[in-house]
Protein backbone atom coordinates (compact mmCIF):
# COMPACT_ATOMS: atom_id res chain seq x y z
CA MET A 1 6.30 -15.17 4.02
CA ASP A 2 9.03 -13.93 1.88
CA VAL A 3 6.60 -12.98 -0.87
CA ILE A 4 5.29 -10.40 1.47
CA PHE A 5 8.26 -8.55 2.34
CA ASN A 6 9.77 -9.26 -1.53
CA ARG A 7 7.07 -7.73 -3.38
CA ARG A 8 7.21 -4.74 -5.58
CA SER A 9 5.08 -2.82 -7.45
CA ILE A 10 5.97 -3.93 -11.39
CA ARG A 11 5.28 -1.11 -14.06
CA ARG A 12 7.33 -2.91 -17.24
CA TYR A 13 6.64 -6.37 -18.46
CA LYS A 14 8.24 -8.65 -21.16
CA LYS A 15 6.12 -9.62 -23.95
CA GLN A 16 4.81 -13.06 -22.97
CA ALA A 17 1.65 -13.84 -22.35
CA VAL A 18 0.10 -15.30 -19.03
CA GLU A 19 -0.74 -18.69 -18.93
CA PRO A 20 -4.82 -19.31 -18.35
CA ASP A 21 -3.71 -21.58 -14.95
CA LYS A 22 -1.74 -18.62 -13.52
CA VAL A 23 -4.60 -16.41 -14.06
CA GLU A 24 -7.45 -18.82 -12.65
CA LYS A 25 -4.46 -19.06 -9.26
CA LEU A 26 -4.45 -14.80 -9.24
CA LEU A 27 -8.58 -14.79 -9.43
CA ARG A 28 -8.58 -17.98 -6.74
CA ALA A 29 -5.92 -15.72 -4.59
CA ALA A 30 -8.72 -12.66 -4.47
CA MET A 31 -11.83 -14.72 -3.70
CA GLN A 32 -10.17 -16.13 -0.51
CA ALA A 33 -9.81 -12.38 0.72
CA PRO A 34 -11.53 -11.60 4.02
CA SER A 35 -14.48 -9.70 3.70
CA ALA A 36 -17.29 -8.01 5.98
CA VAL A 37 -19.75 -10.31 6.95
CA ASN A 38 -18.36 -13.00 4.22
CA GLN A 39 -20.19 -10.30 1.76
CA GLN A 40 -17.50 -10.97 -0.93
CA PRO A 41 -18.83 -8.27 -2.94
CA TRP A 42 -15.91 -8.81 -5.34
CA GLU A 43 -16.69 -9.44 -9.54
CA PHE A 44 -13.62 -9.51 -12.10
CA ILE A 45 -12.94 -8.43 -15.70
CA VAL A 46 -9.75 -10.13 -17.34
CA VAL A 47 -8.22 -8.07 -19.82
CA GLN A 48 -5.99 -9.62 -22.53
CA ASN A 49 -6.55 -8.14 -25.87
CA LYS A 50 -4.48 -5.58 -26.84
CA GLY A 51 -7.11 -2.89 -27.85
CA GLY A 52 -8.92 -3.52 -24.28
CA LEU A 53 -5.10 -3.01 -22.51
CA GLU A 54 -4.73 0.27 -24.52
CA ARG A 55 -8.01 1.88 -23.82
CA LEU A 56 -7.88 0.48 -20.20
CA ALA A 57 -4.40 2.53 -20.36
CA GLY A 58 -6.26 5.70 -20.73
CA ILE A 59 -7.56 6.18 -17.11
CA SER A 60 -5.02 8.42 -15.56
CA ALA A 61 -1.80 9.75 -16.36
CA TYR A 62 -0.40 6.90 -14.42
CA SER A 63 -1.71 3.82 -15.78
CA LYS A 64 -0.11 4.05 -19.19
CA MET A 65 1.80 0.83 -18.52
CA VAL A 66 -1.10 -1.25 -18.60
CA ALA A 67 -1.07 -0.66 -22.85
CA GLU A 68 2.09 -2.95 -22.36
CA ALA A 69 1.00 -5.38 -19.95
CA PRO A 70 0.20 -9.08 -21.58
CA LEU A 71 -3.32 -9.12 -18.83
CA ALA A 72 -4.79 -6.81 -16.39
CA ILE A 73 -7.63 -7.41 -14.09
CA VAL A 74 -10.48 -4.98 -13.15
CA LEU A 75 -11.60 -5.26 -9.82
CA LEU A 76 -15.00 -4.29 -9.65
CA GLY A 77 -17.58 -4.50 -6.41
CA ASN A 78 -20.70 -5.76 -6.44
CA GLU A 79 -23.56 -3.83 -4.56
CA ASP A 80 -26.26 -7.09 -4.46
CA ARG A 81 -23.27 -8.16 -2.37
CA MET A 82 -22.70 -5.43 0.06
CA ARG A 83 -24.89 -6.06 3.35
CA LEU A 84 -21.93 -3.64 4.95
CA GLN A 85 -22.00 -0.84 2.11
CA HIS A 86 -19.42 1.15 4.09
CA HIS A 87 -16.99 -1.55 4.07
CA TRP A 88 -16.57 -2.72 0.01
CA GLU A 89 -13.53 -1.11 -0.45
CA GLN A 90 -12.11 -3.04 2.65
CA ASP A 91 -12.91 -5.91 1.06
CA MET A 92 -12.01 -4.55 -2.75
CA ALA A 93 -8.53 -3.80 -0.83
CA ALA A 94 -8.02 -7.33 0.64
CA ALA A 95 -8.70 -8.80 -2.89
CA ALA A 96 -6.32 -6.72 -4.79
CA GLN A 97 -3.40 -7.35 -2.24
CA ASN A 98 -3.76 -11.08 -2.37
CA ILE A 99 -3.85 -10.74 -6.22
CA LEU A 100 -0.18 -9.03 -6.16
CA LEU A 101 0.79 -11.50 -3.89
CA GLU A 102 -0.12 -14.38 -5.69
CA ALA A 103 1.11 -12.76 -8.88
CA ALA A 104 4.73 -12.23 -6.95
CA TYR A 105 4.80 -15.87 -5.63
CA LEU A 106 4.17 -16.92 -9.24
CA GLY A 107 6.88 -15.17 -10.74
CA LEU A 108 5.24 -12.44 -11.91
CA GLY A 109 4.71 -8.52 -10.98
CA GLY A 110 1.80 -6.01 -10.92
CA VAL A 111 0.85 -2.83 -9.93
CA TRP A 112 -2.11 -1.81 -7.84
CA LEU A 113 -3.51 1.38 -10.03
CA GLY A 114 -6.35 2.96 -7.72
CA VAL A 115 -9.94 3.76 -9.47
CA ALA A 116 -12.27 4.02 -6.33
CA PRO A 117 -13.34 6.84 -5.13
CA MET A 118 -12.70 9.07 -8.06
CA LYS A 119 -15.37 9.37 -10.10
CA ASP A 120 -13.90 10.12 -13.30
CA ARG A 121 -12.23 7.06 -13.29
CA MET A 122 -14.93 5.12 -12.12
CA ASP A 123 -17.35 6.27 -14.78
CA LEU A 124 -14.79 5.83 -17.62
CA ILE A 125 -14.38 2.06 -16.31
CA SER A 126 -17.95 1.60 -16.12
CA GLU A 127 -18.66 3.74 -20.05
CA LEU A 128 -16.00 1.18 -21.75
CA TYR A 129 -17.44 -1.75 -20.17
CA GLY A 130 -21.11 -0.86 -19.97
CA LEU A 131 -21.37 -1.72 -16.54
CA LYS A 132 -24.63 -1.68 -14.69
CA SER A 133 -24.57 0.84 -12.12
CA LYS A 134 -24.81 -1.64 -9.46
CA LEU A 135 -20.67 -2.42 -10.37
CA ARG A 136 -18.50 -0.20 -8.74
CA PRO A 137 -15.13 -0.11 -10.17
CA PHE A 138 -12.24 -0.24 -7.73
CA CYS A 139 -8.86 -0.61 -9.14
CA VAL A 140 -6.92 -1.81 -11.95
CA ILE A 141 -3.95 -4.64 -11.15
CA PRO A 142 -2.01 -4.68 -14.99
CA ILE A 143 -0.03 -8.07 -14.53
CA GLY A 144 3.02 -9.95 -16.38
CA TYR A 145 6.68 -11.61 -16.38
CA PRO A 146 9.05 -8.20 -14.92
CA GLU A 147 11.24 -7.07 -17.36
CA GLU A 148 15.05 -6.90 -16.53
CA GLY A 149 15.64 -4.56 -13.70
CA GLN A 150 11.87 -5.01 -12.40
CA GLU A 151 12.25 -8.01 -10.22
CA HIS A 152 10.92 -8.39 -6.69
CA LYS A 153 13.09 -7.80 -4.08
CA TYR A 154 13.58 -7.09 -0.20
CA VAL A 155 13.54 -3.35 1.03
CA ASP A 156 13.41 -2.90 4.63
CA ARG A 157 10.34 -0.35 5.24
CA PHE A 158 10.49 -0.83 9.09
CA ASP A 159 10.31 1.94 11.32
CA SER A 160 9.71 1.65 15.11
CA ASN A 161 9.07 5.04 15.32
CA ARG A 162 5.58 4.98 13.55
CA VAL A 163 4.92 2.11 16.17
CA HIS A 164 3.37 2.99 19.64
CA TYR A 165 2.36 0.77 22.40
CA GLU A 166 -0.83 1.42 24.39
CA VAL A 167 -0.58 4.95 23.83
CA TYR A 168 0.29 7.23 21.40
């Protein structure tokens, strides 16, 4: 469980490709996420070419690091699988967290870049990839080997003042 406590958002990456077997492990981890009524609404776009990464870097003022990452995964929710329409974002969040935890476990780093529910960001990704309207962009996760000084390390965030038993 150390990976849970040590994982940090990593925004700078070495210029080293992520091996195909590790990419598959990241995607397998995502697909092991819990999902409301087991709907598993996820779809993924794996982006590794420089041009694609540079285009994704323009989705917001906070996504510039994508251009320097060797890899990014775009998480999409597929409406055809959404039996519970109001839970798709929870399902996708669990998949995103699994990717980030697996990345840390594999010696990689990543950062969660929010897309949904911001319509402008969702529309931009839909346009970039020519997505059908049934595919809802959820987030982008750039991934790579952490640059020096970007390592995963424990930071104690526990605050007992935020814990309430039985009543608030």
